[in-house]
Amino acid sequence: MKTKFCNIGFLFAILLGSLFSCSQEDTNPDSRYMDLIKGKLDCMNMPRPEDSFDYPVYPGMEEWASYPTLNLQMAVCQIPSSILDSMSTQAVVQAIWEHPLFTDIAKDEGNYKSGFENIIAKTNAYKELLMREDGARCLLERYRKVKFVSGQELLPKALEILLSQEVLYQLSYPERIDLMRSILKEKDRTEISTLFLTGQIMYGVYFLPLIEDLKSDEILSAFLETSASGQIGGRQLDIINTNAELFCTYQNDNFEDMIKDRLDCMNMSRPKGSFNYYVYPGMKEWSVFTATWQMVSTSQVPEPLLKGMSTQAVIQAIWEYPFFIEIGFQFDHYVVSFRNIIEPLNAYKELLLRKDAAYCLLERYRLVHSIAAEIWHPKALEILFSQEAFLSQLDYKEKKEVVRLAFEKDQIRQDNPAHANSLTREISWFLIGRVMRNAEYAPFMKEMEANEALRVFLDTSFLDRRVSVYEQSRVLLRKIIDYGEQFIKE
């Protein structure tokens, strides 16, 4: 009996030793990796994201010697897409931060651009970062926390170079101002990487005072275009820093004067907490834009402000959006225009999350002037209101009120010779038709089943205007009017 007990104990000891050995083998690679990136982790001054990726081969490991060329090193450091897709944005940033070649982009002060394009821009982690809406904001969070660590002097510089690239365009104008303020307060502005980032913050939104200075300074202009810093001196430092100070103090205090007609058209007070766009049509800064994307990127409301705004203030941001009224300019293509112009707007995305959005839109629709200097705003409001997400928030009685208001406002315009018989009347019929469809008004739903042109119009806002069939289109609109009149009398 004693022998049997000893044998069992001996076997248990062997099994336990085997398990311990396996455990050691499993954790050893992880601990070795963490030892190799310790300096990078210390420099972060923030916790490593839980879903961070551990590179299987890393400088300091014997296996790294098997990848002697840049191409081989880049290839072995690509992250499997199945893993990358599921990583948090901070973990994606972490993958770039821990990339074996990340700090290489900061080694040549006169050639940051080339170093970035040849290394980090080719990683699938950076490409993934560009696809994340919060990519730049996660970089910004890291930049504010990063600290100087002996032996890791290139890491903060590499982060500044990374932040100064295409991902910077994700930041709105106010967010750029916040970033600039933190640079002026906390960073060494004589560092070339800091100077480059400072310039890119302003250059990316075509800050007019800087643009004017660049016209007379080819050295600084070349630096911001190519990162060539060989001839950068005191004059260039002064230009950047002077403009940076000005950039941070800029405020559009005259904004309400610029949008007076838009405010008059509302027939209601501008909501408390409304956002003043920093750059707007009519300003010199706006006139230097050469591409639509530049105008759009400066017309996004900062997310932290947006989340704290009332629903009416969110609608106001859409109402005052420089391109809002353009959704009504293309007859028969209102749906496409809305999709291209309004749907990408972060204020619109926020409005979709508000449960009182339709109530606030209805309140505004009741008050808006049918005839005003800004003739397009009431029509653009009807297109905005016609979205299914908002109509579905209304009860049946409120839907009938929308239709009644649409008829009343149309009649006011018809009684005014300057507005009578405008093609924009079709926007009102479009809204009325969509309301009845959303309400599942039985007579109208039956008409829709038998009328393909009506279904197409409500889905796409398209009307066939060819002479041969235009009369049929007029009949279609007349049907919407007739059913609308029946709907409100029901």
Protein backbone atom coordinates (compact mmCIF):
# COMPACT_ATOMS: atom_id res chain seq x y z
CA MET A 1 0.00 0.00 0.00
CA LYS A 2 2.87 2.31 0.84
CA THR A 3 4.60 1.50 -2.47
CA LYS A 4 1.46 2.26 -4.42
CA PHE A 5 1.10 5.62 -2.64
CA CYS A 6 4.71 6.51 -3.44
CA ASN A 7 4.27 5.60 -7.08
CA ILE A 8 1.20 7.79 -7.35
CA GLY A 9 3.06 10.67 -5.71
CA PHE A 10 6.01 10.20 -8.05
CA LEU A 11 3.75 10.27 -11.13
CA PHE A 12 1.96 13.40 -9.82
CA ALA A 13 5.32 15.13 -9.34
CA ILE A 14 6.35 14.28 -12.90
CA LEU A 15 3.01 15.55 -14.27
CA LEU A 16 3.27 18.78 -12.26
CA GLY A 17 6.81 19.34 -13.46
CA SER A 18 5.72 18.76 -17.03
CA LEU A 19 2.90 21.29 -16.75
CA PHE A 20 5.22 23.85 -15.16
CA SER A 21 7.74 23.29 -17.95
CA CYS A 22 5.06 23.87 -20.61
CA SER A 23 3.91 27.00 -18.81
CA GLN A 24 7.45 28.34 -18.82
CA GLU A 25 7.79 27.65 -22.54
CA ASP A 26 4.47 29.41 -23.33
CA THR A 27 5.17 32.57 -21.36
CA ASN A 28 8.85 32.95 -22.10
CA PRO A 29 8.40 34.42 -25.62
CA ASP A 30 5.92 36.98 -24.24
CA SER A 31 8.20 38.02 -21.40
CA ARG A 32 11.13 38.26 -23.82
CA TYR A 33 9.08 40.56 -26.10
CA MET A 34 7.97 42.74 -23.21
CA ASP A 35 11.56 43.11 -22.08
CA LEU A 36 12.57 44.26 -25.57
CA ILE A 37 9.87 46.98 -25.70
CA LYS A 38 10.21 48.14 -22.09
CA GLY A 39 11.73 51.49 -23.09
CA LYS A 40 8.89 52.13 -25.53
CA LEU A 41 6.31 51.32 -22.87
CA ASP A 42 7.96 53.64 -20.34
CA CYS A 43 7.94 56.46 -22.88
CA MET A 44 4.18 56.09 -23.49
CA ASN A 45 3.19 57.15 -19.97
CA MET A 46 -0.10 55.24 -20.40
CA PRO A 47 -1.17 51.58 -20.11
CA ARG A 48 -0.50 49.28 -23.04
CA PRO A 49 -3.86 48.45 -24.69
CA GLU A 50 -5.07 44.99 -23.70
CA ASP A 51 -5.55 43.84 -27.29
CA SER A 52 -2.10 44.96 -28.46
CA PHE A 53 -0.25 42.84 -31.00
CA ASP A 54 3.08 41.17 -30.14
CA TYR A 55 5.40 41.09 -33.13
CA PRO A 56 6.67 37.48 -33.54
CA VAL A 57 10.17 38.65 -34.55
CA TYR A 58 11.88 41.68 -33.06
CA PRO A 59 15.32 43.33 -32.86
CA GLY A 60 17.14 41.65 -29.99
CA MET A 61 15.81 38.22 -30.91
CA GLU A 62 18.08 35.78 -32.72
CA GLU A 63 15.38 35.33 -35.38
CA TRP A 64 15.68 39.00 -36.42
CA ALA A 65 19.00 38.24 -38.10
CA SER A 66 17.12 36.08 -40.59
CA TYR A 67 15.56 39.25 -42.03
CA PRO A 68 18.54 41.40 -43.09
CA THR A 69 16.81 43.64 -45.67
CA LEU A 70 14.19 46.35 -45.30
CA ASN A 71 11.71 44.47 -47.50
CA LEU A 72 12.02 41.31 -45.42
CA GLN A 73 11.69 43.22 -42.16
CA MET A 74 8.62 45.06 -43.42
CA ALA A 75 7.04 41.80 -44.62
CA VAL A 76 7.51 39.95 -41.32
CA CYS A 77 6.03 42.89 -39.39
CA GLN A 78 2.69 43.01 -41.20
CA ILE A 79 -0.20 42.09 -38.92
CA PRO A 80 -2.64 39.37 -40.03
CA SER A 81 -5.79 41.11 -41.25
CA SER A 82 -8.01 38.85 -39.16
CA ILE A 83 -6.31 40.22 -36.05
CA LEU A 84 -5.93 43.82 -37.24
CA ASP A 85 -9.61 44.22 -38.07
CA SER A 86 -10.67 43.39 -34.52
CA MET A 87 -8.09 45.53 -32.71
CA SER A 88 -9.09 48.72 -30.91
CA THR A 89 -7.82 51.95 -32.43
CA GLN A 90 -5.38 52.49 -29.57
CA ALA A 91 -4.05 48.96 -30.16
CA VAL A 92 -3.54 49.85 -33.84
CA VAL A 93 -1.61 52.94 -32.74
CA GLN A 94 0.34 50.70 -30.37
CA ALA A 95 1.29 48.42 -33.25
CA ILE A 96 2.79 51.41 -35.06
CA TRP A 97 4.46 52.59 -31.84
CA GLU A 98 6.09 49.17 -31.31
CA HIS A 99 6.96 48.62 -34.96
CA PRO A 100 10.68 47.74 -35.07
CA LEU A 101 11.36 50.47 -37.62
CA PHE A 102 9.10 53.21 -36.25
CA THR A 103 11.89 55.41 -34.89
CA ASP A 104 13.85 55.10 -38.15
CA ILE A 105 11.57 57.75 -39.67
CA ALA A 106 12.98 60.32 -37.20
CA LYS A 107 16.66 59.64 -37.81
CA ASP A 108 17.06 61.89 -40.85
CA GLU A 109 15.85 65.37 -39.89
CA GLY A 110 16.01 66.59 -43.45
CA ASN A 111 14.00 63.74 -44.91
CA TYR A 112 11.08 62.86 -42.63
CA LYS A 113 8.66 62.63 -45.53
CA SER A 114 10.66 60.04 -47.45
CA GLY A 115 11.38 58.00 -44.32
CA PHE A 116 7.70 57.90 -43.41
CA GLU A 117 6.56 56.99 -46.91
CA ASN A 118 9.12 54.19 -47.25
CA ILE A 119 8.41 52.60 -43.87
CA ILE A 120 5.31 53.40 -41.81
CA ALA A 121 3.05 54.39 -44.72
CA LYS A 122 3.56 50.87 -46.11
CA THR A 123 2.46 49.08 -42.95
CA ASN A 124 -1.04 47.68 -42.85
CA ALA A 125 -1.37 49.06 -39.31
CA TYR A 126 -1.11 52.64 -40.61
CA LYS A 127 -3.49 51.93 -43.46
CA GLU A 128 -5.95 50.58 -40.90
CA LEU A 129 -5.47 53.69 -38.75
CA LEU A 130 -6.52 55.91 -41.65
CA MET A 131 -9.78 53.98 -41.83
CA ARG A 132 -10.59 54.57 -38.16
CA GLU A 133 -12.64 57.71 -37.51
CA ASP A 134 -10.93 58.18 -34.15
CA GLY A 135 -7.42 57.53 -35.47
CA ALA A 136 -6.12 61.08 -35.12
CA ARG A 137 -7.81 61.52 -31.75
CA CYS A 138 -6.12 58.40 -30.38
CA LEU A 139 -2.78 59.74 -31.62
CA LEU A 140 -3.59 63.06 -29.98
CA GLU A 141 -4.31 61.36 -26.66
CA ARG A 142 -0.96 59.59 -26.83
CA TYR A 143 0.90 62.73 -27.85
CA ARG A 144 -0.37 64.60 -24.80
CA LYS A 145 0.86 61.84 -22.46
CA VAL A 146 4.18 60.85 -24.03
CA LYS A 147 7.28 61.64 -21.95
CA PHE A 148 11.02 61.85 -22.55
CA VAL A 149 12.87 58.64 -21.62
CA SER A 150 16.61 58.26 -21.88
CA GLY A 151 17.46 55.95 -24.75
CA GLN A 152 14.10 56.57 -26.48
CA GLU A 153 14.70 60.13 -27.68
CA LEU A 154 13.50 59.33 -31.19
CA LEU A 155 10.08 58.00 -30.15
CA PRO A 156 8.39 61.37 -29.41
CA LYS A 157 9.86 62.73 -32.65
CA ALA A 158 8.53 59.77 -34.64
CA LEU A 159 5.11 60.32 -33.06
CA GLU A 160 5.15 63.96 -34.19
CA ILE A 161 6.06 62.88 -37.71
CA LEU A 162 3.25 60.32 -37.68
CA LEU A 163 0.74 62.88 -36.42
CA SER A 164 1.75 65.38 -39.11
CA GLN A 165 0.78 63.02 -41.95
CA GLU A 166 -2.53 62.35 -43.71
CA VAL A 167 -4.18 61.23 -40.48
CA LEU A 168 -4.01 64.86 -39.29
CA TYR A 169 -6.87 65.72 -41.66
CA GLN A 170 -9.24 63.89 -39.31
CA LEU A 171 -8.89 66.73 -36.81
CA SER A 172 -11.31 69.63 -37.01
CA TYR A 173 -10.20 73.23 -36.87
CA PRO A 174 -10.91 73.60 -33.12
CA GLU A 175 -9.12 70.32 -32.36
CA ARG A 176 -6.09 71.63 -34.24
CA ILE A 177 -6.18 74.72 -32.05
CA ASP A 178 -6.23 72.55 -28.93
CA LEU A 179 -3.28 70.55 -30.25
CA MET A 180 -1.40 73.75 -31.05
CA ARG A 181 -1.99 75.09 -27.55
CA SER A 182 -0.53 71.95 -26.00
CA ILE A 183 2.54 72.26 -28.25
CA LEU A 184 3.08 75.90 -27.30
CA LYS A 185 2.69 75.09 -23.62
CA GLU A 186 4.57 71.80 -23.27
CA LYS A 187 6.85 71.05 -26.23
CA ASP A 188 10.32 72.15 -27.34
CA ARG A 189 9.56 74.26 -30.39
CA THR A 190 13.17 74.24 -31.57
CA GLU A 191 12.94 70.53 -32.40
CA ILE A 192 12.63 70.04 -36.15
CA SER A 193 9.92 67.37 -35.77
CA THR A 194 7.90 69.71 -33.52
CA LEU A 195 8.36 72.57 -35.95
CA PHE A 196 7.21 70.35 -38.81
CA LEU A 197 4.06 69.27 -36.94
CA THR A 198 3.33 72.86 -35.89
CA GLY A 199 3.53 74.01 -39.49
CA GLN A 200 1.38 71.13 -40.77
CA ILE A 201 -1.39 71.90 -38.26
CA MET A 202 -1.82 75.33 -39.86
CA TYR A 203 -0.83 74.42 -43.40
CA GLY A 204 -3.45 71.66 -43.55
CA VAL A 205 -6.28 74.18 -43.10
CA TYR A 206 -4.58 76.85 -45.20
CA PHE A 207 -4.27 79.29 -42.31
CA LEU A 208 -4.13 82.51 -44.29
CA PRO A 209 -1.44 84.43 -42.32
CA LEU A 210 0.93 81.49 -42.71
CA ILE A 211 0.08 81.07 -46.39
CA GLU A 212 0.93 84.73 -46.97
CA ASP A 213 4.28 84.32 -45.18
CA LEU A 214 5.14 81.24 -47.25
CA LYS A 215 4.92 83.30 -50.44
CA SER A 216 8.05 85.21 -49.36
CA ASP A 217 9.96 82.32 -47.78
CA GLU A 218 10.89 79.51 -50.14
CA ILE A 219 12.90 77.67 -47.47
CA LEU A 220 9.93 77.36 -45.13
CA SER A 221 7.59 76.54 -48.01
CA ALA A 222 9.88 73.70 -49.11
CA PHE A 223 10.15 72.46 -45.53
CA LEU A 224 6.37 72.13 -45.15
CA GLU A 225 6.07 70.48 -48.56
CA THR A 226 8.95 68.02 -48.33
CA SER A 227 10.32 68.22 -44.72
CA ALA A 228 13.68 69.41 -46.13
CA SER A 229 15.18 71.19 -43.12
CA GLY A 230 18.77 71.78 -44.16
CA GLN A 231 18.41 75.56 -44.39
CA ILE A 232 15.87 76.10 -41.60
CA GLY A 233 17.02 78.94 -39.34
CA GLY A 234 15.87 81.59 -36.92
CA ARG A 235 13.69 83.39 -39.45
CA GLN A 236 11.68 80.25 -40.20
CA LEU A 237 11.34 79.46 -36.50
CA ASP A 238 9.98 82.95 -35.88
CA ILE A 239 7.46 82.69 -38.71
CA ILE A 240 6.12 79.34 -37.50
CA ASN A 241 5.95 80.34 -33.84
CA THR A 242 4.39 83.75 -34.52
CA ASN A 243 1.70 82.15 -36.67
CA ALA A 244 1.16 79.41 -34.08
CA GLU A 245 0.42 82.02 -31.41
CA LEU A 246 -1.98 83.80 -33.77
CA PHE A 247 -3.62 80.50 -34.74
CA CYS A 248 -4.45 79.74 -31.10
CA THR A 249 -6.05 83.11 -30.40
CA TYR A 250 -8.20 83.14 -33.54
CA GLN A 251 -11.95 83.31 -32.95
CA ASN A 252 -14.76 83.95 -35.38
CA ASP A 253 -16.49 86.60 -33.26
CA ASN A 254 -18.37 88.03 -36.25
CA PHE A 255 -19.97 84.71 -37.18
CA GLU A 256 -23.55 85.69 -36.36
CA ASP A 257 -23.24 88.81 -38.51
CA MET A 258 -22.15 86.61 -41.40
CA ILE A 259 -25.20 84.34 -41.10
CA LYS A 260 -27.80 87.03 -40.40
CA ASP A 261 -30.09 86.00 -43.29
CA ARG A 262 -29.98 82.39 -42.15
CA LEU A 263 -30.92 83.42 -38.63
CA ASP A 264 -33.75 85.69 -39.82
CA CYS A 265 -35.18 82.83 -41.87
CA MET A 266 -35.40 80.59 -38.80
CA ASN A 267 -37.93 82.82 -37.02
CA MET A 268 -36.58 81.54 -33.69
CA SER A 269 -33.67 82.32 -31.42
CA ARG A 270 -30.33 80.77 -32.21
CA PRO A 271 -30.02 77.83 -29.77
CA LYS A 272 -27.77 78.31 -26.78
CA GLY A 273 -24.48 76.52 -27.25
CA SER A 274 -24.54 76.70 -31.05
CA PHE A 275 -21.19 76.20 -32.74
CA ASN A 276 -19.44 79.04 -34.59
CA TYR A 277 -17.63 77.67 -37.62
CA TYR A 278 -14.04 78.85 -37.58
CA VAL A 279 -13.80 79.32 -41.34
CA TYR A 280 -16.81 80.29 -43.43
CA PRO A 281 -17.73 81.51 -46.92
CA GLY A 282 -17.00 85.23 -47.12
CA MET A 283 -13.87 85.01 -45.00
CA LYS A 284 -10.40 85.41 -46.49
CA GLU A 285 -9.40 82.05 -45.04
CA TRP A 286 -12.19 80.38 -47.01
CA SER A 287 -11.08 81.99 -50.27
CA VAL A 288 -7.73 80.21 -50.25
CA PHE A 289 -9.30 76.74 -50.32
CA THR A 290 -8.82 75.07 -53.69
CA ALA A 291 -10.64 71.78 -53.06
CA THR A 292 -14.00 70.83 -51.58
CA TRP A 293 -12.44 68.38 -49.12
CA GLN A 294 -10.55 71.27 -47.53
CA MET A 295 -13.81 73.15 -46.96
CA VAL A 296 -15.55 70.05 -45.62
CA SER A 297 -12.72 69.09 -43.25
CA THR A 298 -12.82 72.53 -41.60
CA SER A 299 -16.61 72.38 -41.24
CA GLN A 300 -16.86 69.45 -38.83
CA VAL A 301 -17.92 70.20 -35.27
CA PRO A 302 -15.44 68.97 -32.63
CA GLU A 303 -16.78 65.70 -31.19
CA PRO A 304 -16.45 66.73 -27.52
CA LEU A 305 -18.53 69.86 -28.22
CA LEU A 306 -21.02 67.98 -30.36
CA LYS A 307 -21.83 65.44 -27.66
CA GLY A 308 -22.63 68.22 -25.19
CA MET A 309 -24.80 70.29 -27.54
CA SER A 310 -28.59 70.35 -27.31
CA THR A 311 -30.46 68.70 -30.17
CA GLN A 312 -31.57 72.09 -31.49
CA ALA A 313 -27.93 73.24 -31.44
CA VAL A 314 -26.97 70.12 -33.42
CA ILE A 315 -29.66 70.96 -35.99
CA GLN A 316 -28.34 74.52 -36.00
CA ALA A 317 -24.89 73.22 -36.95
CA ILE A 318 -26.49 71.52 -39.95
CA TRP A 319 -28.59 74.62 -40.74
CA GLU A 320 -25.45 76.79 -40.74
CA TYR A 321 -23.28 74.23 -42.53
CA PRO A 322 -21.82 76.03 -45.57
CA PHE A 323 -23.18 73.45 -48.02
CA PHE A 324 -26.58 72.79 -46.42
CA ILE A 325 -28.71 74.57 -49.00
CA GLU A 326 -26.92 72.86 -51.90
CA ILE A 327 -28.94 69.69 -51.31
CA GLY A 328 -31.85 71.51 -52.96
CA PHE A 329 -29.95 72.83 -55.97
CA GLN A 330 -30.06 69.73 -58.17
CA PHE A 331 -33.62 69.11 -59.24
CA ASP A 332 -34.57 65.42 -59.28
CA HIS A 333 -31.40 64.48 -57.37
CA TYR A 334 -32.17 65.61 -53.84
CA VAL A 335 -31.54 62.14 -52.40
CA VAL A 336 -28.12 61.83 -53.99
CA SER A 337 -27.20 65.36 -52.95
CA PHE A 338 -28.27 64.65 -49.38
CA ARG A 339 -26.24 61.46 -49.30
CA ASN A 340 -23.11 63.18 -50.62
CA ILE A 341 -23.36 66.45 -48.69
CA ILE A 342 -25.14 65.88 -45.38
CA GLU A 343 -24.67 62.22 -44.48
CA PRO A 344 -20.86 62.51 -44.03
CA LEU A 345 -21.37 65.45 -41.64
CA ASN A 346 -20.67 64.50 -38.03
CA ALA A 347 -23.46 66.80 -36.84
CA TYR A 348 -25.93 64.76 -38.91
CA LYS A 349 -24.58 61.49 -37.52
CA GLU A 350 -25.07 62.90 -34.04
CA LEU A 351 -28.62 64.00 -34.88
CA LEU A 352 -29.49 60.43 -35.86
CA LEU A 353 -28.65 59.39 -32.29
CA ARG A 354 -30.98 61.93 -30.69
CA LYS A 355 -34.40 60.56 -29.72
CA ASP A 356 -35.94 64.05 -29.82
CA ALA A 357 -34.59 64.86 -33.29
CA ALA A 358 -37.98 64.73 -35.03
CA TYR A 359 -39.64 66.78 -32.28
CA CYS A 360 -36.99 69.49 -32.67
CA LEU A 361 -37.25 69.40 -36.47
CA LEU A 362 -41.04 69.74 -36.25
CA GLU A 363 -40.69 72.66 -33.85
CA ARG A 364 -38.34 74.34 -36.30
CA TYR A 365 -40.54 73.55 -39.31
CA ARG A 366 -43.52 75.19 -37.62
CA LEU A 367 -41.60 78.44 -37.18
CA VAL A 368 -39.45 78.72 -40.29
CA HIS A 369 -40.35 81.55 -42.68
CA SER A 370 -41.68 80.33 -46.01
CA ILE A 371 -40.46 83.50 -47.68
CA ALA A 372 -37.17 85.05 -46.65
CA ALA A 373 -33.91 86.32 -48.07
CA GLU A 374 -32.54 82.80 -47.61
CA ILE A 375 -35.11 81.12 -49.87
CA TRP A 376 -33.30 77.79 -50.01
CA HIS A 377 -33.11 77.04 -46.30
CA PRO A 378 -36.80 76.16 -45.82
CA LYS A 379 -36.57 73.73 -48.74
CA ALA A 380 -33.36 72.17 -47.46
CA LEU A 381 -35.10 71.73 -44.10
CA GLU A 382 -37.87 69.78 -45.83
CA ILE A 383 -35.31 67.45 -47.40
CA LEU A 384 -33.66 66.94 -44.02
CA PHE A 385 -37.01 66.27 -42.37
CA SER A 386 -37.97 63.74 -45.07
CA GLN A 387 -35.42 61.19 -43.83
CA GLU A 388 -37.04 57.98 -42.60
CA ALA A 389 -35.08 58.01 -39.33
CA PHE A 390 -36.82 61.23 -38.28
CA LEU A 391 -40.30 60.54 -39.68
CA SER A 392 -40.36 57.27 -37.75
CA GLN A 393 -40.04 59.21 -34.48
CA LEU A 394 -43.32 61.04 -35.12
CA ASP A 395 -46.71 59.75 -34.06
CA TYR A 396 -49.59 59.65 -36.54
CA LYS A 397 -50.99 63.02 -35.46
CA GLU A 398 -47.62 64.70 -35.84
CA LYS A 399 -47.18 63.23 -39.31
CA LYS A 400 -50.49 64.75 -40.34
CA GLU A 401 -49.30 68.08 -38.95
CA VAL A 402 -46.15 67.93 -41.11
CA VAL A 403 -48.27 67.43 -44.22
CA ARG A 404 -50.61 70.27 -43.23
CA LEU A 405 -47.65 72.59 -42.63
CA ALA A 406 -46.15 71.67 -46.01
CA PHE A 407 -49.37 72.68 -47.77
CA GLU A 408 -49.66 75.91 -45.77
CA LYS A 409 -46.09 76.96 -46.48
CA ASP A 410 -46.46 76.15 -50.16
CA GLN A 411 -49.58 78.31 -50.34
CA ILE A 412 -47.72 81.23 -48.78
CA ARG A 413 -45.07 80.93 -51.47
CA GLN A 414 -47.69 80.67 -54.22
CA ASP A 415 -49.29 83.88 -52.99
CA ASN A 416 -45.96 85.66 -53.51
CA PRO A 417 -45.16 86.31 -57.23
CA ALA A 418 -41.43 86.01 -56.61
CA HIS A 419 -41.81 82.45 -55.34
CA ALA A 420 -44.85 81.11 -57.21
CA ASN A 421 -44.59 78.05 -59.49
CA SER A 422 -40.99 77.28 -58.52
CA LEU A 423 -39.65 73.83 -59.27
CA THR A 424 -38.79 73.60 -55.58
CA ARG A 425 -42.49 72.90 -54.95
CA GLU A 426 -41.60 69.31 -55.74
CA ILE A 427 -39.56 69.17 -52.52
CA SER A 428 -42.75 69.78 -50.56
CA TRP A 429 -44.56 67.02 -52.47
CA PHE A 430 -41.56 64.76 -51.87
CA LEU A 431 -41.82 65.38 -48.12
CA ILE A 432 -45.59 64.84 -48.13
CA GLY A 433 -45.25 61.59 -50.05
CA ARG A 434 -42.58 60.26 -47.72
CA VAL A 435 -44.64 61.16 -44.66
CA MET A 436 -47.67 59.23 -45.99
CA ARG A 437 -45.48 56.29 -46.90
CA ASN A 438 -43.94 56.26 -43.43
CA ALA A 439 -47.42 56.51 -41.87
CA GLU A 440 -48.53 53.59 -44.07
CA TYR A 441 -51.58 55.58 -45.10
CA ALA A 442 -53.65 52.80 -46.72
CA PRO A 443 -55.03 54.58 -49.83
CA PHE A 444 -51.57 55.95 -50.63
CA MET A 445 -49.88 52.59 -50.06
CA LYS A 446 -52.33 50.99 -52.50
CA GLU A 447 -51.50 53.68 -55.08
CA MET A 448 -47.78 53.03 -54.58
CA GLU A 449 -48.18 49.31 -55.26
CA ALA A 450 -49.59 50.07 -58.70
CA ASN A 451 -47.42 53.09 -59.53
CA GLU A 452 -43.74 52.36 -60.12
CA ALA A 453 -42.93 55.99 -61.00
CA LEU A 454 -44.29 57.06 -57.61
CA ARG A 455 -42.12 54.51 -55.82
CA VAL A 456 -39.07 55.69 -57.74
CA PHE A 457 -39.80 59.32 -56.93
CA LEU A 458 -40.08 58.67 -53.18
CA ASP A 459 -36.95 56.51 -53.16
CA THR A 460 -34.75 58.70 -55.36
CA SER A 461 -36.58 62.06 -55.86
CA PHE A 462 -36.26 61.45 -59.63
CA LEU A 463 -38.90 62.74 -62.03
CA ASP A 464 -38.76 62.00 -65.74
CA ARG A 465 -38.82 65.41 -67.40
CA ARG A 466 -38.69 64.30 -71.01
CA VAL A 467 -41.33 66.14 -73.02
CA SER A 468 -42.95 62.89 -74.08
CA VAL A 469 -43.64 61.74 -70.52
CA TYR A 470 -43.54 64.95 -68.47
CA GLU A 471 -47.31 65.15 -68.30
CA GLN A 472 -47.27 61.77 -66.58
CA SER A 473 -44.87 63.21 -64.00
CA ARG A 474 -47.23 66.11 -63.41
CA VAL A 475 -50.05 63.63 -62.86
CA LEU A 476 -47.86 61.79 -60.35
CA LEU A 477 -47.30 64.96 -58.33
CA ARG A 478 -51.01 65.72 -58.49
CA LYS A 479 -51.73 62.30 -56.98
CA ILE A 480 -49.41 63.08 -54.04
CA ILE A 481 -51.23 66.38 -53.50
CA ASP A 482 -54.68 64.74 -53.65
CA TYR A 483 -53.75 61.94 -51.27
CA GLY A 484 -52.04 64.46 -48.97
CA GLU A 485 -55.22 66.54 -48.76
CA GLN A 486 -57.23 63.41 -47.95
CA PHE A 487 -54.65 62.34 -45.36
CA ILE A 488 -54.92 65.50 -43.26
CA LYS A 489 -58.73 65.43 -43.39
CA GLU A 490 -58.91 61.80 -42.28
